[in-house]
Amino acid sequence: MSSAPGPHAHMPSDVTRKVGVFDHFADAAARFASKAWFFALCVLLVLVWAPSYFVIGNLDTWQLIINTATTIVTFLMVALLQNTQSRNDRAVQDKLNAIADGLADLMAAQAEHTDTPQLRHDMLELRESVGLEDRESTG
């Protein structure tokens, strides 16, 4: 067994740095929404909305305004943040897979060199536990 990564292993150098327009927007929105001042702005919005009842005068309209605004913002933010989180999860998983693949290849090379059955067994267990054999064979 060679010490090179498997044929379908995703190495960090294999990951493209190209990010689409939506992904850039989602990243910017995630950075924007994660700031303390954004939370303060949301609290301020509620503090401004609360006494607006006296200007609006109708309880149903007053409640509809905040319910509609928060529903729309929540819906959009969930979509944007899910995009960012999914890409981050994939990137972390690719890095962990590359580390596991490299370690398994190193263990295999060392097991062949030293003829250590336990090391070979551990290498096979590592590859099986992280699904390297399945991922590489189904490419």
C-alpha atoms as a PDB file:
ATOM      1  CA  MET A   1       0.000   0.000   0.000  1.00  0.00           C
ATOM      2  CA  SER A   2       1.387   3.411  -0.927  1.00  0.00           C
ATOM      3  CA  SER A   3       1.708   6.403   1.335  1.00  0.00           C
ATOM      4  CA  ALA A   4      -0.106   8.641  -1.174  1.00  0.00           C
ATOM      5  CA  PRO A   5      -3.691   9.579  -0.408  1.00  0.00           C
ATOM      6  CA  GLY A   6      -6.452   7.372  -1.769  1.00  0.00           C
ATOM      7  CA  PRO A   7      -7.735   8.074  -5.272  1.00  0.00           C
ATOM      8  CA  HIS A   8     -10.828   9.934  -4.106  1.00  0.00           C
ATOM      9  CA  ALA A   9      -9.592  11.472  -0.868  1.00  0.00           C
ATOM     10  CA  HIS A  10     -10.236  15.173  -0.620  1.00  0.00           C
ATOM     11  CA  MET A  11      -6.965  16.773   0.289  1.00  0.00           C
ATOM     12  CA  PRO A  12      -6.889  20.456   1.328  1.00  0.00           C
ATOM     13  CA  SER A  13      -5.206  21.296  -1.974  1.00  0.00           C
ATOM     14  CA  ASP A  14      -8.159  19.678  -3.835  1.00  0.00           C
ATOM     15  CA  VAL A  15     -10.695  22.079  -2.347  1.00  0.00           C
ATOM     16  CA  THR A  16     -11.484  24.972  -4.611  1.00  0.00           C
ATOM     17  CA  ARG A  17     -11.192  28.466  -3.228  1.00  0.00           C
ATOM     18  CA  LYS A  18     -13.862  29.715  -5.621  1.00  0.00           C
ATOM     19  CA  VAL A  19     -16.950  30.801  -3.752  1.00  0.00           C
ATOM     20  CA  GLY A  20     -20.166  31.877  -5.452  1.00  0.00           C
ATOM     21  CA  VAL A  21     -21.931  35.208  -5.062  1.00  0.00           C
ATOM     22  CA  PHE A  22     -24.594  33.725  -2.781  1.00  0.00           C
ATOM     23  CA  ASP A  23     -21.929  32.116  -0.609  1.00  0.00           C
ATOM     24  CA  HIS A  24     -20.140  35.476  -0.256  1.00  0.00           C
ATOM     25  CA  PHE A  25     -23.434  37.094   0.667  1.00  0.00           C
ATOM     26  CA  ALA A  26     -24.229  34.337   3.186  1.00  0.00           C
ATOM     27  CA  ASP A  27     -20.780  34.738   4.778  1.00  0.00           C
ATOM     28  CA  ALA A  28     -21.234  38.508   5.037  1.00  0.00           C
ATOM     29  CA  ALA A  29     -24.705  38.062   6.536  1.00  0.00           C
ATOM     30  CA  ALA A  30     -23.378  35.563   9.080  1.00  0.00           C
ATOM     31  CA  ARG A  31     -20.591  37.952  10.106  1.00  0.00           C
ATOM     32  CA  PHE A  32     -23.089  40.820  10.281  1.00  0.00           C
ATOM     33  CA  ALA A  33     -25.620  38.886  12.383  1.00  0.00           C
ATOM     34  CA  SER A  34     -22.993  37.545  14.788  1.00  0.00           C
ATOM     35  CA  LYS A  35     -21.924  40.962  16.052  1.00  0.00           C
ATOM     36  CA  ALA A  36     -23.023  42.253  19.450  1.00  0.00           C
ATOM     37  CA  TRP A  37     -24.209  45.518  17.939  1.00  0.00           C
ATOM     38  CA  PHE A  38     -26.594  43.591  15.642  1.00  0.00           C
ATOM     39  CA  PHE A  39     -28.220  42.069  18.720  1.00  0.00           C
ATOM     40  CA  ALA A  40     -28.378  45.530  20.283  1.00  0.00           C
ATOM     41  CA  LEU A  41     -30.037  46.796  17.092  1.00  0.00           C
ATOM     42  CA  CYS A  42     -32.651  44.033  17.360  1.00  0.00           C
ATOM     43  CA  VAL A  43     -33.349  44.968  20.980  1.00  0.00           C
ATOM     44  CA  LEU A  44     -33.618  48.613  19.949  1.00  0.00           C
ATOM     45  CA  LEU A  45     -36.109  47.665  17.249  1.00  0.00           C
ATOM     46  CA  VAL A  46     -38.315  45.956  19.831  1.00  0.00           C
ATOM     47  CA  LEU A  47     -37.982  48.932  22.169  1.00  0.00           C
ATOM     48  CA  VAL A  48     -39.072  51.277  19.381  1.00  0.00           C
ATOM     49  CA  TRP A  49     -41.897  48.954  18.309  1.00  0.00           C
ATOM     50  CA  ALA A  50     -43.355  48.445  21.799  1.00  0.00           C
ATOM     51  CA  PRO A  51     -44.576  52.016  22.403  1.00  0.00           C
ATOM     52  CA  SER A  52     -45.690  52.353  18.754  1.00  0.00           C
ATOM     53  CA  TYR A  53     -49.011  50.882  19.860  1.00  0.00           C
ATOM     54  CA  PHE A  54     -50.024  54.342  20.989  1.00  0.00           C
ATOM     55  CA  VAL A  55     -49.400  55.711  17.479  1.00  0.00           C
ATOM     56  CA  ILE A  56     -50.995  52.749  15.636  1.00  0.00           C
ATOM     57  CA  GLY A  57     -53.903  52.337  18.051  1.00  0.00           C
ATOM     58  CA  ASN A  58     -54.997  48.942  16.732  1.00  0.00           C
ATOM     59  CA  LEU A  59     -53.733  45.928  18.683  1.00  0.00           C
ATOM     60  CA  ASP A  60     -54.008  43.503  15.728  1.00  0.00           C
ATOM     61  CA  THR A  61     -52.071  45.784  13.362  1.00  0.00           C
ATOM     62  CA  TRP A  62     -49.490  46.495  16.039  1.00  0.00           C
ATOM     63  CA  GLN A  63     -48.874  42.764  16.601  1.00  0.00           C
ATOM     64  CA  LEU A  64     -48.961  42.013  12.873  1.00  0.00           C
ATOM     65  CA  ILE A  65     -46.123  44.467  12.249  1.00  0.00           C
ATOM     66  CA  ILE A  66     -43.671  42.792  14.632  1.00  0.00           C
ATOM     67  CA  ASN A  67     -44.804  39.262  13.761  1.00  0.00           C
ATOM     68  CA  THR A  68     -44.380  39.854  10.028  1.00  0.00           C
ATOM     69  CA  ALA A  69     -41.029  41.598  10.402  1.00  0.00           C
ATOM     70  CA  THR A  70     -39.538  38.952  12.686  1.00  0.00           C
ATOM     71  CA  THR A  71     -40.892  36.067  10.598  1.00  0.00           C
ATOM     72  CA  ILE A  72     -39.377  37.436   7.396  1.00  0.00           C
ATOM     73  CA  VAL A  73     -36.019  38.188   8.993  1.00  0.00           C
ATOM     74  CA  THR A  74     -35.923  34.794  10.733  1.00  0.00           C
ATOM     75  CA  PHE A  75     -36.793  32.941   7.532  1.00  0.00           C
ATOM     76  CA  LEU A  76     -34.079  34.692   5.535  1.00  0.00           C
ATOM     77  CA  MET A  77     -31.443  34.413   8.259  1.00  0.00           C
ATOM     78  CA  VAL A  78     -32.059  30.683   8.705  1.00  0.00           C
ATOM     79  CA  ALA A  79     -31.478  30.121   4.985  1.00  0.00           C
ATOM     80  CA  LEU A  80     -28.308  32.218   4.956  1.00  0.00           C
ATOM     81  CA  LEU A  81     -26.872  30.776   8.139  1.00  0.00           C
ATOM     82  CA  GLN A  82     -27.680  27.211   7.069  1.00  0.00           C
ATOM     83  CA  ASN A  83     -25.710  27.785   3.863  1.00  0.00           C
ATOM     84  CA  THR A  84     -22.711  29.051   5.827  1.00  0.00           C
ATOM     85  CA  GLN A  85     -22.917  26.250   8.400  1.00  0.00           C
ATOM     86  CA  SER A  86     -23.233  23.536   5.747  1.00  0.00           C
ATOM     87  CA  ARG A  87     -20.152  24.789   3.902  1.00  0.00           C
ATOM     88  CA  ASN A  88     -18.214  25.009   7.167  1.00  0.00           C
ATOM     89  CA  ASP A  89     -19.258  21.472   8.115  1.00  0.00           C
ATOM     90  CA  ARG A  90     -18.160  20.132   4.711  1.00  0.00           C
ATOM     91  CA  ALA A  91     -14.808  21.918   4.994  1.00  0.00           C
ATOM     92  CA  VAL A  92     -14.150  20.515   8.469  1.00  0.00           C
ATOM     93  CA  GLN A  93     -15.186  17.024   7.356  1.00  0.00           C
ATOM     94  CA  ASP A  94     -12.894  17.201   4.324  1.00  0.00           C
ATOM     95  CA  LYS A  95      -9.997  18.227   6.577  1.00  0.00           C
ATOM     96  CA  LEU A  96     -10.693  15.406   9.029  1.00  0.00           C
ATOM     97  CA  ASN A  97     -10.991  12.911   6.172  1.00  0.00           C
ATOM     98  CA  ALA A  98      -7.662  14.085   4.743  1.00  0.00           C
ATOM     99  CA  ILE A  99      -6.008  13.680   8.152  1.00  0.00           C
ATOM    100  CA  ALA A 100      -7.534  10.217   8.661  1.00  0.00           C
ATOM    101  CA  ASP A 101      -6.582   9.166   5.134  1.00  0.00           C
ATOM    102  CA  GLY A 102      -3.012  10.372   5.563  1.00  0.00           C
ATOM    103  CA  LEU A 103      -2.729   8.688   8.950  1.00  0.00           C
ATOM    104  CA  ALA A 104      -4.132   5.431   7.594  1.00  0.00           C
ATOM    105  CA  ASP A 105      -1.680   5.519   4.682  1.00  0.00           C
ATOM    106  CA  LEU A 106       1.192   6.241   7.065  1.00  0.00           C
ATOM    107  CA  MET A 107       0.096   3.385   9.314  1.00  0.00           C
ATOM    108  CA  ALA A 108      -0.133   1.040   6.306  1.00  0.00           C
ATOM    109  CA  ALA A 109       3.355   1.967   5.121  1.00  0.00           C
ATOM    110  CA  GLN A 110       4.754   1.540   8.616  1.00  0.00           C
ATOM    111  CA  ALA A 111       2.951  -1.803   9.058  1.00  0.00           C
ATOM    112  CA  GLU A 112       4.448  -3.108   5.796  1.00  0.00           C
ATOM    113  CA  HIS A 113       7.900  -1.848   6.735  1.00  0.00           C
ATOM    114  CA  THR A 114       7.883  -3.298  10.251  1.00  0.00           C
ATOM    115  CA  ASP A 115       5.541  -6.248   9.557  1.00  0.00           C
ATOM    116  CA  THR A 116       3.354  -5.284  12.533  1.00  0.00           C
ATOM    117  CA  PRO A 117      -0.033  -7.035  12.384  1.00  0.00           C
ATOM    118  CA  GLN A 118      -1.529  -4.890  15.159  1.00  0.00           C
ATOM    119  CA  LEU A 119      -0.658  -1.677  13.319  1.00  0.00           C
ATOM    120  CA  ARG A 120      -2.230  -3.047  10.131  1.00  0.00           C
ATOM    121  CA  HIS A 121      -5.348  -4.007  12.108  1.00  0.00           C
ATOM    122  CA  ASP A 122      -5.504  -0.511  13.647  1.00  0.00           C
ATOM    123  CA  MET A 123      -5.109   1.052  10.199  1.00  0.00           C
ATOM    124  CA  LEU A 124      -7.987  -1.024   8.796  1.00  0.00           C
ATOM    125  CA  GLU A 125     -10.126  -0.134  11.795  1.00  0.00           C
ATOM    126  CA  LEU A 126      -9.376   3.575  11.291  1.00  0.00           C
ATOM    127  CA  ARG A 127     -10.246   3.422   7.591  1.00  0.00           C
ATOM    128  CA  GLU A 128     -13.457   1.542   8.329  1.00  0.00           C
ATOM    129  CA  SER A 129     -14.517   3.801  11.201  1.00  0.00           C
ATOM    130  CA  VAL A 130     -14.305   6.981   9.105  1.00  0.00           C
ATOM    131  CA  GLY A 131     -15.650   5.355   5.938  1.00  0.00           C
ATOM    132  CA  LEU A 132     -12.533   5.863   3.844  1.00  0.00           C
ATOM    133  CA  GLU A 133     -12.859   2.581   1.943  1.00  0.00           C
ATOM    134  CA  ASP A 134     -16.523   3.231   1.043  1.00  0.00           C
ATOM    135  CA  ARG A 135     -15.865   6.842   0.034  1.00  0.00           C
ATOM    136  CA  GLU A 136     -12.886   5.909  -2.117  1.00  0.00           C
ATOM    137  CA  SER A 137     -14.594   3.000  -3.857  1.00  0.00           C
ATOM    138  CA  THR A 138     -17.841   4.839  -4.696  1.00  0.00           C
ATOM    139  CA  GLY A 139     -16.015   8.005  -5.832  1.00  0.00           C
END
